[in-house]
Protein backbone atom coordinates (compact mmCIF):
# COMPACT_ATOMS: atom_id res chain seq x y z
CA MET A 1 46.82 56.07 106.37
CA ALA A 2 48.63 57.18 103.27
CA ASN A 3 48.07 58.18 98.82
CA TYR A 4 45.75 61.05 97.83
CA THR A 5 42.21 60.88 96.08
CA LYS A 6 42.54 64.40 95.05
CA PHE A 7 46.31 65.19 94.53
CA THR A 8 46.75 69.07 94.30
CA SER A 9 50.47 70.72 94.91
CA ILE A 10 50.29 74.30 95.91
CA VAL A 11 52.46 77.25 97.01
CA ALA A 12 50.40 78.98 99.71
CA ALA A 13 50.55 82.63 100.64
CA VAL A 14 53.13 81.72 103.52
CA ALA A 15 55.35 79.76 101.04
CA LEU A 16 54.33 76.46 102.32
CA LEU A 17 54.24 73.70 99.50
CA VAL A 18 51.59 71.37 100.59
CA TRP A 19 49.41 68.42 99.41
CA ALA A 20 45.80 68.12 99.62
CA ALA A 21 45.40 64.75 101.75
CA SER A 22 42.72 63.47 99.51
CA ALA A 23 44.00 63.36 96.13
CA GLN A 24 45.00 60.89 93.20
CA ALA A 25 48.66 60.31 93.04
CA GLY A 26 50.59 62.38 90.55
CA GLY A 27 53.84 63.80 90.17
CA ASP A 28 57.12 62.83 91.52
CA LEU A 29 56.09 63.07 95.18
CA THR A 30 53.25 61.19 96.54
CA PRO A 31 51.32 61.72 99.93
CA ASN A 32 52.60 61.00 103.35
CA THR A 33 52.93 57.83 104.95
CA GLY A 34 50.63 56.32 107.44
CA ASN A 35 52.07 54.35 110.43
CA THR A 36 55.05 52.79 111.61
CA SER A 37 54.16 49.10 110.88
CA SER A 38 51.75 47.19 108.64
CA PRO A 39 48.61 48.88 107.75
CA SER A 40 46.83 45.85 108.80
CA ASN A 41 47.86 46.72 112.35
CA TRP A 42 46.12 49.91 112.29
CA ARG A 43 42.55 49.22 111.10
CA PHE A 44 39.64 50.31 113.27
CA ALA A 45 36.52 48.38 113.82
CA PRO A 46 32.88 49.46 114.96
CA GLY A 47 32.84 49.36 118.69
CA GLN A 48 36.34 49.24 119.08
CA VAL A 49 37.82 50.60 122.50
CA PHE A 50 40.48 53.39 122.45
CA ASP A 51 41.94 54.50 125.88
CA GLY A 52 38.90 53.32 127.63
CA VAL A 53 36.42 54.77 125.10
CA ALA A 54 34.12 52.09 123.57
CA GLY A 55 33.37 52.95 119.95
CA ALA A 56 35.69 56.11 119.91
CA LEU A 57 35.92 56.14 116.14
CA ASP A 58 32.53 55.03 115.19
CA GLY A 59 31.49 58.64 114.28
CA VAL A 60 34.56 58.57 111.50
CA ALA A 61 33.06 59.07 108.05
CA ARG A 62 34.07 57.90 104.73
CA LEU A 63 33.20 60.23 102.04
CA SER A 64 32.89 58.88 98.36
CA PHE A 65 32.10 61.41 95.71
CA THR A 66 32.33 62.41 92.14
CA LYS A 67 33.35 65.97 90.95
CA VAL A 68 32.60 68.37 88.39
CA GLY A 69 34.29 67.15 85.16
CA GLY A 70 34.17 63.47 86.44
CA GLY A 71 36.29 61.22 88.35
CA SER A 72 35.74 59.52 91.86
CA TYR A 73 37.52 60.67 94.91
CA ARG A 74 37.52 59.88 98.59
CA CYS A 75 37.88 62.07 101.81
CA SER A 76 36.99 61.36 105.63
CA GLY A 77 35.01 63.37 107.93
CA SER A 78 33.57 63.37 111.61
CA LEU A 79 29.88 63.01 112.64
CA LEU A 80 28.77 65.78 114.85
CA ALA A 81 26.81 65.56 118.03
CA GLY A 82 23.17 65.25 117.06
CA GLY A 83 23.78 62.84 114.11
CA GLN A 84 22.68 65.20 111.29
CA TYR A 85 26.06 66.99 110.19
CA VAL A 86 29.37 65.92 109.23
CA LEU A 87 32.58 68.13 109.50
CA THR A 88 35.04 67.81 106.78
CA ALA A 89 37.75 69.81 104.83
CA GLY A 90 36.73 72.70 102.64
CA HIS A 91 38.74 71.15 99.77
CA CYS A 92 36.78 67.90 99.92
CA ALA A 93 33.47 69.65 99.37
CA ASP A 94 33.91 72.62 97.14
CA ASP A 95 33.29 71.12 93.71
CA PHE A 96 31.37 67.70 94.08
CA THR A 97 28.34 66.67 91.94
CA SER A 98 27.49 63.75 94.11
CA MET A 99 28.36 62.28 97.58
CA THR A 100 27.84 59.10 99.70
CA VAL A 101 28.64 59.11 103.41
CA GLY A 102 29.42 55.85 105.13
CA PHE A 103 30.13 54.83 108.61
CA GLY A 104 31.47 51.46 110.13
CA ALA A 105 33.05 50.15 106.92
CA PHE A 106 35.31 47.40 107.98
CA GLY A 107 36.42 45.25 105.11
CA GLY A 108 33.22 45.58 103.30
CA ALA A 109 30.11 47.94 102.88
CA ALA A 110 29.58 50.65 105.46
CA LEU A 111 26.85 49.63 108.25
CA GLN A 112 25.60 53.00 107.96
CA THR A 113 25.24 55.15 104.47
CA ARG A 114 23.77 58.49 103.85
CA SER A 115 23.90 61.06 100.79
CA VAL A 116 24.58 64.70 100.84
CA ALA A 117 23.15 67.18 98.03
CA VAL A 118 25.38 69.87 96.85
CA ILE A 119 22.96 72.35 98.30
CA ASP A 120 23.68 70.75 101.76
CA ALA A 121 27.36 71.36 101.86
CA THR A 122 28.23 74.55 103.62
CA LEU A 123 31.76 75.99 103.23
CA HIS A 124 33.76 77.99 105.55
CA PRO A 125 32.79 81.68 104.81
CA LEU A 126 36.59 82.41 104.25
CA TRP A 127 37.46 79.40 102.36
CA ARG A 128 38.98 80.40 98.90
CA GLY A 129 40.14 77.12 97.58
CA PHE A 130 43.26 75.33 98.06
CA THR A 131 45.76 77.53 96.67
CA ALA A 132 44.58 80.74 98.60
CA SER A 133 43.38 79.07 102.03
CA ALA A 134 45.04 75.72 102.44
CA ASP A 135 47.10 76.81 105.69
CA ALA A 136 44.89 79.87 106.63
CA GLY A 137 42.78 78.03 109.20
CA SER A 138 39.69 78.04 106.86
CA ASP A 139 39.86 74.50 105.32
CA MET A 140 36.48 73.21 106.58
CA ALA A 141 33.04 72.39 105.49
CA ILE A 142 29.70 71.11 107.09
CA LEU A 143 27.60 68.44 105.26
CA LYS A 144 24.07 67.92 106.11
CA LEU A 145 23.22 64.45 105.67
CA SER A 146 19.99 63.19 103.95
CA ALA A 147 18.96 61.77 107.30
CA PRO A 148 20.19 61.81 110.69
CA VAL A 149 22.32 58.95 112.03
CA THR A 150 20.82 57.85 115.20
CA THR A 151 22.86 54.78 116.06
CA ILE A 152 26.14 56.39 116.39
CA LYS A 153 27.26 58.98 118.97
CA GLY A 154 28.45 62.18 117.15
CA TYR A 155 31.55 64.12 118.54
CA GLN A 156 31.58 67.18 120.82
CA LEU A 157 33.99 69.96 119.74
CA SER A 158 37.03 70.84 121.86
CA ALA A 159 36.76 74.33 122.86
CA THR A 160 40.51 74.73 123.81
CA ASN A 161 43.74 75.38 121.93
CA ASP A 162 45.16 71.82 121.78
CA VAL A 163 48.84 72.69 120.90
CA GLY A 164 51.08 70.47 122.90
CA LYS A 165 48.44 67.68 123.43
CA GLN A 166 48.52 64.01 121.98
CA PHE A 167 45.67 63.26 119.63
CA LEU A 168 44.07 60.27 118.17
CA MET A 169 43.74 60.53 114.40
CA ALA A 170 41.29 58.47 111.92
CA GLY A 171 40.62 58.42 108.35
CA TYR A 172 39.91 56.04 105.17
CA GLY A 173 42.88 57.03 103.16
CA THR A 174 45.65 55.17 101.63
CA THR A 175 48.24 53.24 103.85
CA GLY A 176 52.06 52.61 103.84
CA THR A 177 54.93 52.37 106.44
CA ALA A 178 57.42 54.96 107.35
CA THR A 179 60.31 52.73 106.26
CA SER A 180 59.04 51.69 102.94
CA SER A 181 60.82 52.77 99.52
CA THR A 182 57.60 52.54 97.75
CA SER A 183 54.68 54.95 97.74
CA PRO A 184 51.55 54.27 99.83
CA SER A 185 48.59 52.69 98.19
CA TRP A 186 44.83 51.68 98.56
CA ASP A 187 45.71 48.25 99.00
CA ASP A 188 43.95 48.24 102.41
CA GLY A 189 41.24 50.53 101.40
CA SER A 190 38.36 48.49 102.91
CA TYR A 191 39.27 49.78 106.17
CA GLY A 192 39.56 52.93 108.08
CA HIS A 193 42.88 53.35 109.93
CA TYR A 194 44.12 55.33 112.95
CA GLY A 195 47.22 56.52 114.72
CA TYR A 196 48.41 58.86 117.23
CA ASN A 197 50.48 62.12 117.14
CA THR A 198 51.14 65.36 119.12
CA VAL A 199 50.35 68.76 117.96
CA ASP A 200 53.79 70.53 117.73
CA VAL A 201 53.04 74.05 116.96
CA ASP A 202 50.48 76.05 114.91
CA SER A 203 51.50 77.04 111.35
CA LYS A 204 51.10 80.90 112.24
CA THR A 205 53.69 80.64 114.84
CA PHE A 206 55.83 78.32 112.68
CA ASN A 207 55.86 80.40 109.71
CA ARG A 208 56.54 83.68 111.50
CA VAL A 209 59.50 82.20 113.27
CA ILE A 210 60.88 80.61 109.91
CA ASP A 211 60.32 84.18 108.23
CA GLN A 212 62.51 85.56 110.78
CA ASN A 213 65.51 83.22 109.91
CA VAL A 214 65.07 82.53 106.32
CA VAL A 215 64.89 85.50 103.61
CA GLY A 216 62.05 85.57 101.42
CA TRP A 217 60.04 82.84 103.20
CA GLY A 218 56.84 84.94 102.88
CA TYR A 219 54.99 85.14 106.18
CA SER A 220 52.07 87.32 106.49
CA GLU A 221 49.97 88.10 109.52
CA ALA A 222 46.92 88.71 107.20
CA TYR A 223 46.87 85.42 105.48
CA TYR A 224 45.64 83.51 108.78
CA THR A 225 41.77 83.30 109.25
CA GLY A 226 41.97 80.54 111.94
CA THR A 227 44.51 78.05 113.42
CA THR A 228 46.23 75.29 111.69
CA TYR A 229 47.94 72.60 113.79
CA MET A 230 51.07 71.16 112.68
CA SER A 231 52.64 67.64 113.65
CA ASP A 232 55.75 65.83 112.25
CA PHE A 233 56.10 62.09 111.79
CA ASP A 234 58.77 61.17 114.51
CA SER A 235 60.87 57.94 114.59
CA GLY A 236 62.20 58.40 118.06
CA THR A 237 65.40 59.87 116.78
CA VAL A 238 66.42 63.51 116.72
CA ALA A 239 67.41 63.00 112.98
CA ASN A 240 63.69 62.86 112.01
CA ASN A 241 62.27 65.11 114.33
CA THR A 242 61.81 67.82 111.69
CA LEU A 243 59.85 70.39 113.84
CA GLY A 244 62.27 69.89 116.89
CA ARG A 245 65.40 70.52 114.74
CA LEU A 246 63.79 73.59 113.19
CA ALA A 247 62.79 74.79 116.69
CA ASP A 248 66.27 74.26 118.22
CA ALA A 249 67.73 76.28 115.20
CA THR A 250 65.28 79.18 115.78
CA GLY A 251 65.16 79.72 119.43
CA ASN A 252 62.97 77.00 120.64
CA GLN A 253 59.96 78.99 120.33
CA TRP A 254 57.71 75.74 120.26
CA GLY A 255 58.38 72.17 121.51
CA SER A 256 58.52 68.94 119.67
CA SER A 257 59.43 65.46 121.06
CA THR A 258 61.02 62.46 119.09
CA GLY A 259 57.56 61.12 118.94
CA LEU A 260 55.21 58.44 120.55
CA GLY A 261 56.94 55.13 119.66
CA ALA A 262 55.13 52.49 117.77
CA LYS A 263 51.79 54.24 117.78
CA GLU A 264 52.96 57.35 115.91
CA ALA A 265 51.26 58.30 112.77
CA LEU A 266 50.65 60.83 109.99
CA ILE A 267 47.59 61.50 108.02
CA ALA A 268 48.01 60.51 104.15
CA GLY A 269 45.83 60.93 100.85
CA GLY A 270 42.04 60.30 101.36
CA ASP A 271 42.56 61.34 105.25
CA SER A 272 41.59 64.74 104.44
CA GLY A 273 38.61 66.05 106.38
CA GLY A 274 39.02 63.30 109.14
CA GLY A 275 39.52 64.22 112.58
CA ASP A 276 42.13 64.81 115.10
CA PHE A 277 40.55 63.90 118.52
CA VAL A 278 41.66 64.91 121.95
CA LEU A 279 40.68 62.72 125.24
CA VAL A 280 38.83 65.01 127.68
CA ASN A 281 37.11 63.50 130.91
CA GLY A 282 36.94 60.25 129.27
CA GLU A 283 35.56 61.33 126.09
CA TYR A 284 37.04 62.01 122.66
CA GLN A 285 36.36 65.42 121.41
CA LEU A 286 36.85 66.63 117.98
CA SER A 287 40.04 68.97 117.96
CA ALA A 288 40.75 69.52 114.31
CA VAL A 289 40.11 68.81 110.66
CA HIS A 290 43.02 67.00 108.55
CA SER A 291 43.97 69.53 105.92
CA TRP A 292 47.23 68.92 104.21
CA GLY A 293 50.52 67.01 104.01
CA TRP A 294 53.96 68.14 103.42
CA GLN A 295 57.20 66.10 102.48
CA GLY A 296 60.39 67.89 103.76
CA ASN A 297 62.46 67.47 100.52
CA ALA A 298 64.23 69.80 98.26
CA ALA A 299 61.42 70.39 95.91
CA ASN A 300 59.44 72.52 98.26
CA GLY A 301 61.86 74.60 100.01
CA LEU A 302 61.84 72.94 103.46
CA ASP A 303 65.26 71.54 102.94
CA GLY A 304 66.32 74.85 101.76
CA ALA A 305 65.43 76.42 104.95
CA CYS A 306 66.99 73.68 106.97
CA ASP A 307 70.16 74.61 104.63
CA VAL A 308 70.18 78.17 105.52
CA MET A 309 69.98 77.28 109.30
CA LYS A 310 73.08 75.02 108.97
CA LEU A 311 70.83 71.87 109.37
CA THR A 312 71.34 68.66 107.21
CA LEU A 313 68.22 67.75 105.22
CA CYS A 314 64.88 67.86 106.96
CA ASP A 315 63.77 64.39 105.74
CA THR A 316 65.67 61.38 104.90
CA LYS A 317 64.07 59.90 101.67
CA PHE A 318 63.22 61.53 98.35
CA ASN A 319 60.62 60.79 95.71
CA ASN A 320 58.40 58.50 97.63
CA GLY A 321 55.58 59.13 100.19
CA SER A 322 57.07 56.79 102.93
CA SER A 323 59.11 58.80 105.16
CA TYR A 324 59.83 59.97 108.71
CA GLY A 325 60.16 63.61 108.88
CA ASP A 326 56.99 64.47 107.06
CA LEU A 327 54.61 67.11 108.33
CA SER A 328 50.86 67.54 108.22
CA GLY A 329 48.43 70.38 108.91
CA SER A 330 44.84 70.17 110.48
CA THR A 331 42.31 72.96 110.82
CA ALA A 332 41.61 73.67 114.64
CA VAL A 333 38.01 73.81 115.48
CA PHE A 334 38.22 75.85 118.80
CA ASN A 335 38.10 79.35 117.01
CA GLN A 336 35.46 78.14 114.46
CA THR A 337 32.97 77.05 117.06
CA ALA A 338 30.67 80.12 116.49
CA TRP A 339 30.47 79.28 112.83
CA ILE A 340 29.79 75.60 113.28
CA ASN A 341 27.17 76.22 115.99
CA ASP A 342 25.43 78.77 113.81
CA VAL A 343 25.09 76.21 110.96
CA THR A 344 24.45 73.15 112.95
CA GLY A 345 23.62 74.00 116.47
CA VAL A 346 26.53 72.11 117.95
CA ALA A 347 28.32 74.00 120.38
CA ALA A 348 31.86 73.59 121.71
CA VAL A 349 32.18 71.79 125.17
CA PRO A 350 33.43 74.31 127.65
CA GLU A 351 36.92 73.98 129.01
CA PRO A 352 36.92 71.74 132.42
CA SER A 353 38.24 75.03 134.19
CA ASN A 354 35.10 76.90 132.87
CA TYR A 355 32.70 74.85 134.68
CA ALA A 356 33.66 76.10 137.95
CA LEU A 357 33.17 79.64 136.80
CA MET A 358 29.85 78.64 135.36
CA THR A 359 28.80 77.03 138.44
CA LEU A 360 29.72 80.19 140.36
CA GLY A 361 27.83 82.26 137.78
CA LEU A 362 24.93 80.34 138.30
CA PHE A 363 25.18 80.51 142.15
CA ALA A 364 25.40 84.31 141.93
CA VAL A 365 22.31 84.30 139.71
CA SER A 366 20.62 82.41 142.11
CA ALA A 367 21.61 84.42 145.13
CA LEU A 368 20.43 87.48 143.19
CA VAL A 369 17.10 86.09 142.68
CA ARG A 370 16.62 84.85 146.17
CA ARG A 371 17.45 88.37 147.28
CA ARG A 372 14.87 90.11 145.13
CA GLN A 373 12.44 87.46 146.12
CA ALA A 374 13.12 88.57 149.79
């Protein structure tokens, strides 16, 4: 998972310098790396079993599109339950002229393809473009497919705040390894790739805390319209645990481990709009939508923050896109479910603890009916 089909660098209102995980390579810094070993080890195939779930990633979509002014680009997305809609990032759908959506591509053509008309792309109502909204929790869009996909099971939505949970991620972006000195590439672009990580903190909490410690960081409560999950790319050592080290330096207001070992991964270019999935009762639910990548480096202020807090550099490599310590952000779905349901009719799955409450509620209604009948 790693180079971008839509490379855009911006300074958000919260002083985050981030990159759209969908762009063409450009500038001195390229998008983040993907996995801990060769990209060929991380391909996902139709029907493949993940954590006991057969076909867990069959609903991951490859978006190929052209933009106003020309150029070909790629993003990713997730098929929603019912098969008619795909959820992706707002910055993947805000200026396209034509789009093809494919499912099940593995070394060749997709097994299922659909098109999306411009009028059938619904942007989040609070999406204001990447510069204004990249980290605000509104980087989402819903695509209505030209025809439903009936042979693939779409994803239910997670109704919970999933900070602290492990997730499975997937996308059709670029690939690279964390120890490489060269930038990620599209050399393995005929395949989708997967990996695992953990949601360490939401970006609202992160920026509020950093702002309390770094003068001029620029935190603003008003900036946030939703929730963005943040994860870092850990090597198993404290030195590369960017979010953990920053937490230690600011009162440990969030937690961050040193990673998941060989299965650790991070999104990269072209993975924008793809999903982070959490395992709930034997089913993978869609938890978040990939939005941005952030390389910890002197060029974007993160190392400046580390220096102020008496830490050594947050990241260990410069001027390349393959490095442990990088960060990524994904827009959470749990507080966007009303909008998604309004557009698509796909509701979130209740939290497991809520099923008991729902049962009690139904019992109470039943008792009331019986009492009235009596």
